[in-house]
Amino acid sequence: MIATGTPMDGIRTTPDSPRPPAGVAWRRVALFLLIAMGGGWGVGYLLWRVARSIPAELLPLLSLSLAVVYMPLPLAAGVVLERVAGRRPPLLRRAWAGLRRPRRWLMLLTAGVLPAVAIAVLSLGLAIALSVLGVPGAGELVRTTTDLAGQLSAISGQEIPAELASTLPPVPVVFAVSFVQAVVFGATLNAVFALGEEYGWRGVLAEELAPLGALRANLLIGTVWGLWHAPLIIWLGHNFGDQWRGGVPMMVAVCIPFGFVLAWSAARAGLFGAAVGHGVFNGTMGVLLLLVAGANPLVTPIGVVAVVASTVVAIVLWLGFPPDHPCR
């Protein structure tokens, strides 16, 4: 395709792409939030009620249901908003068309995967440093296979048999293999689920808020995106267990700088670049749990270390490698 027109959503627009709005249509934004946020609170409440009445062994099934029902809500809100606005062609078609360019596939790896990996590596370094320094809530480093078996038991909720624990590889090997697997599955399977979120947040809503400029639009989107997680944190203990009072503002604090990172990925590699980055982040940050035992979740992994790491990476990307077409 020949690139013409005004850039939107991280890709060069084509003659049939919609033009950026002259101002923010706040009624459409309110409709989007009603579906994404209102639907999220409704689904979260129903899942909470279900979680209280089912056996513990069925909770993994509930978690899968959560991913299937909750995460696509921003996608549904985006589709409705596009129809209300009469926007043609839809964002997904434009993003898919961008993949016809071979360079876009390379950008998916560089602009999608690498920033999320950088956040994970920096978070790991911070988590280790805080633990070594004995900072309260930073936890203890997992050093031996016995420690690793205990940490795996704590994460899975099931006791690891002693005979199995004795066969575990060294901790660095387990972490390295798990990290690589997290990147691979994050860029593929996780990205499929993350696409629903990104279609809404870094996609349709970002287009609606484009007149605000990159800074204000991404600050607003990051704040709303963080609050969107509130039902999962409050009712289902997602990420922070029973510390939901601190967990909700901490999630907002994480989502704002990480939202800037994903907006940069979208500007460089389109909607799918943001989805890949989101998926890799979700996978790799979970692996950090293997190396630190007894940590306060407000500190690590989706806590202070994630806020600092995401902020550093966002600043480096936007100031050091500003996209030609920021579109945000």
Protein backbone atom coordinates (compact mmCIF):
# COMPACT_ATOMS: atom_id res chain seq x y z
CA MET A 1 0.00 0.00 0.00
CA ILE A 2 1.09 3.55 -0.65
CA ALA A 3 1.27 5.52 2.57
CA THR A 4 -0.73 8.72 2.41
CA GLY A 5 -2.86 10.87 4.62
CA THR A 6 -2.52 11.50 8.35
CA PRO A 7 -0.96 8.77 10.50
CA MET A 8 -3.24 7.05 12.97
CA ASP A 9 -2.90 4.17 15.40
CA GLY A 10 0.76 3.67 14.79
CA ILE A 11 0.49 2.93 11.05
CA ARG A 12 0.52 5.14 8.01
CA THR A 13 -2.99 5.67 6.84
CA THR A 14 -4.29 4.83 3.40
CA PRO A 15 -6.77 6.84 1.33
CA ASP A 16 -9.72 4.93 2.83
CA SER A 17 -8.56 5.35 6.45
CA PRO A 18 -10.61 7.62 8.75
CA ARG A 19 -9.33 11.12 9.41
CA PRO A 20 -8.42 12.14 12.96
CA PRO A 21 -11.28 13.88 14.78
CA ALA A 22 -11.05 17.64 15.13
CA GLY A 23 -11.92 17.36 18.82
CA VAL A 24 -12.67 14.69 21.39
CA ALA A 25 -16.18 13.26 21.09
CA TRP A 26 -16.66 12.81 24.82
CA ARG A 27 -20.05 11.13 24.43
CA ARG A 28 -18.45 8.37 22.40
CA VAL A 29 -15.67 8.11 24.97
CA ALA A 30 -18.31 7.80 27.69
CA LEU A 31 -20.01 5.02 25.72
CA PHE A 32 -16.71 3.19 25.42
CA LEU A 33 -16.09 3.45 29.16
CA LEU A 34 -19.63 2.37 29.96
CA ILE A 35 -19.12 -0.87 28.05
CA ALA A 36 -15.51 -1.57 29.03
CA MET A 37 -15.62 -0.35 32.64
CA GLY A 38 -19.28 -0.99 33.44
CA GLY A 39 -19.14 -4.40 31.82
CA GLY A 40 -15.92 -5.14 33.71
CA TRP A 41 -17.46 -4.35 37.07
CA GLY A 42 -20.48 -6.50 36.25
CA VAL A 43 -18.43 -9.46 35.09
CA GLY A 44 -16.01 -9.10 38.00
CA TYR A 45 -18.86 -9.15 40.51
CA LEU A 46 -20.44 -12.24 38.94
CA LEU A 47 -17.11 -14.09 38.90
CA TRP A 48 -16.56 -13.14 42.53
CA ARG A 49 -19.91 -14.61 43.48
CA VAL A 50 -19.09 -17.78 41.55
CA ALA A 51 -15.63 -18.02 43.16
CA ARG A 52 -17.20 -18.01 46.63
CA SER A 53 -19.35 -21.02 45.88
CA ILE A 54 -17.17 -23.42 43.88
CA PRO A 55 -14.50 -25.89 45.05
CA ALA A 56 -10.91 -24.71 45.03
CA GLU A 57 -9.96 -27.20 42.31
CA LEU A 58 -12.30 -25.41 39.90
CA LEU A 59 -10.67 -22.01 40.39
CA PRO A 60 -8.27 -22.52 37.43
CA LEU A 61 -11.33 -22.97 35.22
CA LEU A 62 -12.70 -19.73 36.64
CA SER A 63 -9.44 -17.99 35.77
CA LEU A 64 -9.79 -19.20 32.18
CA SER A 65 -13.36 -17.93 32.10
CA LEU A 66 -12.06 -14.63 33.38
CA ALA A 67 -9.65 -14.32 30.47
CA VAL A 68 -12.31 -15.30 27.95
CA VAL A 69 -15.03 -12.97 29.26
CA TYR A 70 -13.26 -10.02 30.88
CA MET A 71 -10.31 -9.25 28.62
CA PRO A 72 -12.32 -8.82 25.37
CA LEU A 73 -14.52 -6.10 26.90
CA PRO A 74 -12.36 -3.23 25.54
CA LEU A 75 -12.57 -4.94 22.14
CA ALA A 76 -16.36 -5.01 22.35
CA ALA A 77 -16.41 -1.37 23.44
CA GLY A 78 -14.13 -0.45 20.54
CA VAL A 79 -16.26 -2.25 17.97
CA VAL A 80 -19.43 -0.56 19.23
CA LEU A 81 -17.75 2.86 19.21
CA GLU A 82 -16.51 2.35 15.65
CA ARG A 83 -20.02 1.51 14.47
CA VAL A 84 -21.52 4.48 16.28
CA ALA A 85 -18.89 6.76 14.77
CA GLY A 86 -19.34 5.23 11.31
CA ARG A 87 -15.61 4.63 11.13
CA ARG A 88 -14.56 2.63 8.09
CA PRO A 89 -12.55 0.57 7.56
CA PRO A 90 -12.38 -0.81 11.11
CA LEU A 91 -9.12 -0.66 13.01
CA LEU A 92 -8.51 -4.40 12.86
CA ARG A 93 -8.65 -4.37 9.05
CA ARG A 94 -6.22 -1.46 8.89
CA ALA A 95 -3.83 -3.14 11.34
CA TRP A 96 -3.99 -6.42 9.44
CA ALA A 97 -3.30 -4.62 6.18
CA GLY A 98 -0.17 -3.18 7.74
CA LEU A 99 1.20 -6.71 8.21
CA ARG A 100 1.50 -7.07 4.45
CA ARG A 101 4.68 -5.06 4.67
CA PRO A 102 7.62 -7.34 5.60
CA ARG A 103 9.16 -4.56 7.67
CA ARG A 104 6.17 -4.65 10.01
CA TRP A 105 6.98 -8.24 11.03
CA LEU A 106 10.48 -7.17 12.00
CA MET A 107 9.01 -4.27 13.97
CA LEU A 108 6.77 -6.69 15.85
CA LEU A 109 9.92 -8.29 17.25
CA THR A 110 11.88 -5.12 17.92
CA ALA A 111 9.19 -2.65 18.95
CA GLY A 112 6.82 -5.23 20.43
CA VAL A 113 9.03 -7.77 22.20
CA LEU A 114 12.18 -5.86 23.16
CA PRO A 115 10.59 -3.09 25.30
CA ALA A 116 8.65 -5.67 27.34
CA VAL A 117 11.79 -7.78 27.78
CA ALA A 118 13.70 -4.67 28.85
CA ILE A 119 11.08 -3.95 31.51
CA ALA A 120 11.28 -7.52 32.79
CA VAL A 121 15.09 -7.51 32.92
CA LEU A 122 15.19 -4.14 34.67
CA SER A 123 12.48 -5.28 37.09
CA LEU A 124 14.50 -8.40 37.83
CA GLY A 125 17.60 -6.35 38.57
CA LEU A 126 15.64 -4.04 40.86
CA ALA A 127 13.99 -6.97 42.64
CA ILE A 128 17.34 -8.61 43.27
CA ALA A 129 18.90 -5.35 44.46
CA LEU A 130 16.04 -4.62 46.86
CA SER A 131 16.19 -8.16 48.22
CA VAL A 132 19.96 -8.06 48.74
CA LEU A 133 19.66 -4.69 50.47
CA GLY A 134 16.99 -6.09 52.78
CA VAL A 135 14.32 -3.59 51.83
CA PRO A 136 11.07 -4.43 53.65
CA GLY A 137 8.68 -6.35 51.41
CA ALA A 138 11.35 -7.22 48.85
CA GLY A 139 11.42 -10.89 49.87
CA GLU A 140 14.29 -13.37 49.80
CA LEU A 141 16.17 -14.57 46.74
CA VAL A 142 15.55 -18.17 45.71
CA ARG A 143 19.05 -19.68 45.65
CA THR A 144 18.73 -23.47 45.99
CA THR A 145 16.53 -26.12 44.44
CA THR A 146 14.91 -26.60 47.84
CA ASP A 147 13.98 -22.92 47.90
CA LEU A 148 12.77 -23.23 44.32
CA ALA A 149 10.55 -26.20 45.17
CA GLY A 150 9.05 -24.21 48.03
CA GLN A 151 8.42 -21.24 45.79
CA LEU A 152 6.80 -23.43 43.12
CA SER A 153 4.57 -24.92 45.82
CA ALA A 154 3.59 -21.43 46.99
CA ILE A 155 2.79 -20.26 43.46
CA SER A 156 0.84 -23.36 42.41
CA GLY A 157 -0.82 -23.97 45.77
CA GLN A 158 0.23 -27.62 45.62
CA GLU A 159 3.03 -29.29 47.52
CA ILE A 160 5.96 -30.37 45.37
CA PRO A 161 6.94 -33.97 46.27
CA ALA A 162 10.43 -34.29 47.75
CA GLU A 163 11.51 -36.78 45.09
CA LEU A 164 10.50 -34.32 42.36
CA ALA A 165 12.17 -31.40 44.12
CA SER A 166 15.46 -33.31 44.19
CA THR A 167 15.43 -33.58 40.38
CA LEU A 168 14.97 -29.89 39.70
CA PRO A 169 17.74 -28.25 37.63
CA PRO A 170 19.74 -25.37 39.13
CA VAL A 171 17.79 -22.20 39.76
CA PRO A 172 19.47 -20.15 36.96
CA VAL A 173 18.63 -22.87 34.43
CA VAL A 174 14.98 -23.05 35.50
CA PHE A 175 14.66 -19.29 35.37
CA ALA A 176 16.37 -18.96 31.97
CA VAL A 177 14.21 -21.67 30.39
CA SER A 178 11.05 -20.25 31.96
CA PHE A 179 11.93 -16.74 30.79
CA VAL A 180 12.47 -17.84 27.18
CA GLN A 181 9.21 -19.79 27.25
CA ALA A 182 7.42 -16.74 28.66
CA VAL A 183 8.71 -14.57 25.83
CA VAL A 184 7.67 -17.09 23.17
CA PHE A 185 4.22 -17.77 24.59
CA GLY A 186 3.79 -14.11 25.49
CA ALA A 187 4.41 -13.04 21.89
CA THR A 188 1.95 -15.65 20.59
CA LEU A 189 -0.74 -17.08 22.87
CA ASN A 190 -0.77 -14.24 25.40
CA ALA A 191 -0.81 -11.70 22.58
CA VAL A 192 -4.07 -13.16 21.27
CA PHE A 193 -5.78 -12.43 24.60
CA ALA A 194 -4.03 -9.07 24.93
CA LEU A 195 -5.27 -8.03 21.49
CA GLY A 196 -8.76 -7.55 22.92
CA GLU A 197 -7.45 -5.03 25.42
CA GLU A 198 -5.16 -3.29 22.97
CA TYR A 199 -7.89 -2.93 20.35
CA GLY A 200 -9.74 -0.81 22.87
CA TRP A 201 -7.07 1.06 24.85
CA ARG A 202 -4.22 1.68 22.40
CA GLY A 203 -6.53 1.36 19.42
CA VAL A 204 -10.00 2.86 19.25
CA LEU A 205 -9.86 4.90 22.46
CA ALA A 206 -6.44 6.27 21.49
CA GLU A 207 -7.90 7.41 18.18
CA GLU A 208 -10.75 9.14 19.98
CA LEU A 209 -8.39 10.91 22.36
CA ALA A 210 -5.77 11.79 19.73
CA PRO A 211 -6.73 15.52 19.76
CA LEU A 212 -5.48 15.71 23.36
CA GLY A 213 -1.93 15.00 22.25
CA ALA A 214 0.36 12.14 23.18
CA LEU A 215 1.02 13.14 26.79
CA ARG A 216 -2.50 13.86 27.98
CA ALA A 217 -4.10 11.06 25.96
CA ASN A 218 -1.78 8.38 27.32
CA LEU A 219 -2.02 9.68 30.88
CA LEU A 220 -5.80 9.42 30.67
CA ILE A 221 -5.78 6.02 28.99
CA GLY A 222 -3.27 4.62 31.48
CA THR A 223 -5.35 5.84 34.43
CA VAL A 224 -8.58 4.40 33.08
CA TRP A 225 -6.84 1.16 32.09
CA GLY A 226 -5.49 0.76 35.62
CA LEU A 227 -8.91 1.36 37.17
CA TRP A 228 -10.39 -1.15 34.72
CA HIS A 229 -8.45 -3.83 36.65
CA ALA A 230 -10.06 -2.82 39.96
CA PRO A 231 -12.80 -5.52 40.01
CA LEU A 232 -10.18 -8.22 39.44
CA ILE A 233 -8.02 -6.82 42.22
CA ILE A 234 -10.79 -6.17 44.75
CA TRP A 235 -13.02 -9.20 44.30
CA LEU A 236 -10.70 -11.85 42.87
CA GLY A 237 -7.37 -10.92 44.48
CA HIS A 238 -5.69 -10.57 41.09
CA ASN A 239 -1.96 -9.70 41.42
CA PHE A 240 -2.19 -8.31 44.97
CA GLY A 241 -4.09 -10.88 47.01
CA ASP A 242 -5.94 -9.27 49.90
CA GLN A 243 -4.03 -5.98 49.60
CA TRP A 244 -6.55 -4.50 47.21
CA ARG A 245 -6.57 -1.08 48.89
CA GLY A 246 -3.00 -0.53 47.84
CA GLY A 247 -3.31 -2.77 44.80
CA VAL A 248 -5.74 -0.56 42.88
CA PRO A 249 -3.62 2.63 42.98
CA MET A 250 -0.49 0.53 42.38
CA MET A 251 -2.05 -0.96 39.25
CA VAL A 252 -2.82 2.55 38.02
CA ALA A 253 0.77 3.55 38.77
CA VAL A 254 2.01 0.61 36.66
CA CYS A 255 -0.44 1.06 33.80
CA ILE A 256 0.41 4.72 33.17
CA PRO A 257 4.11 4.28 32.25
CA PHE A 258 3.53 0.86 30.72
CA GLY A 259 0.73 2.39 28.66
CA PHE A 260 3.27 4.85 27.24
CA VAL A 261 5.50 1.91 26.33
CA LEU A 262 2.65 0.14 24.54
CA ALA A 263 1.65 3.36 22.78
CA TRP A 264 5.22 3.62 21.51
CA SER A 265 5.03 -0.01 20.31
CA ALA A 266 1.74 0.75 18.55
CA ALA A 267 3.26 3.79 16.87
CA ARG A 268 6.22 1.73 15.68
CA ALA A 269 4.58 -1.61 14.90
CA GLY A 270 0.83 -1.03 14.83
CA LEU A 271 -1.90 -2.59 16.94
CA PHE A 272 -0.31 -6.04 16.85
CA GLY A 273 2.96 -4.59 18.15
CA ALA A 274 1.15 -3.35 21.26
CA ALA A 275 -0.58 -6.73 21.69
CA VAL A 276 2.73 -8.58 21.45
CA GLY A 277 4.37 -6.25 23.96
CA HIS A 278 1.44 -6.64 26.33
CA GLY A 279 1.55 -10.43 26.06
CA VAL A 280 5.31 -10.61 26.66
CA PHE A 281 5.01 -8.33 29.68
CA ASN A 282 2.32 -10.51 31.24
CA GLY A 283 4.38 -13.65 30.70
CA THR A 284 7.81 -12.44 31.76
CA MET A 285 6.72 -10.53 34.85
CA GLY A 286 5.12 -13.72 36.17
CA VAL A 287 8.44 -15.54 35.86
CA LEU A 288 9.99 -13.09 38.32
CA LEU A 289 7.99 -14.84 41.05
CA LEU A 290 10.34 -17.80 40.69
CA LEU A 291 13.34 -15.86 41.97
CA VAL A 292 11.92 -13.95 44.93
CA ALA A 293 10.08 -15.67 47.77
CA GLY A 294 7.88 -13.97 50.34
CA ALA A 295 7.80 -10.62 48.55
CA ASN A 296 5.06 -8.09 49.16
CA PRO A 297 3.10 -7.90 45.87
CA LEU A 298 3.08 -4.12 46.20
CA VAL A 299 6.86 -4.28 45.78
CA THR A 300 7.36 -7.06 43.24
CA PRO A 301 6.59 -8.18 40.60
CA ILE A 302 3.63 -5.91 39.65
CA GLY A 303 4.52 -3.30 42.21
CA VAL A 304 7.17 -0.68 42.79
CA VAL A 305 9.76 -2.47 40.66
CA ALA A 306 7.37 -2.59 37.68
CA VAL A 307 6.52 1.10 38.07
CA VAL A 308 10.19 2.12 38.11
CA ALA A 309 11.19 -0.23 35.27
CA SER A 310 8.27 0.79 33.04
CA THR A 311 8.91 4.48 33.68
CA VAL A 312 12.60 4.18 32.77
CA VAL A 313 11.86 2.24 29.57
CA ALA A 314 9.07 4.65 28.58
CA ILE A 315 11.34 7.67 29.00
CA VAL A 316 14.15 6.04 27.03
CA LEU A 317 11.82 5.07 24.18
CA TRP A 318 9.94 8.34 23.81
CA LEU A 319 12.91 10.66 24.29
CA GLY A 320 15.66 8.52 22.80
CA PHE A 321 13.75 6.90 19.92
CA PRO A 322 10.67 9.04 19.24
CA PRO A 323 8.42 7.47 16.61
CA ASP A 324 8.09 9.25 13.28
CA HIS A 325 4.33 9.14 13.70
CA PRO A 326 3.50 9.09 17.41
CA CYS A 327 -0.24 9.30 16.70
CA ARG A 328 -1.03 9.56 20.38
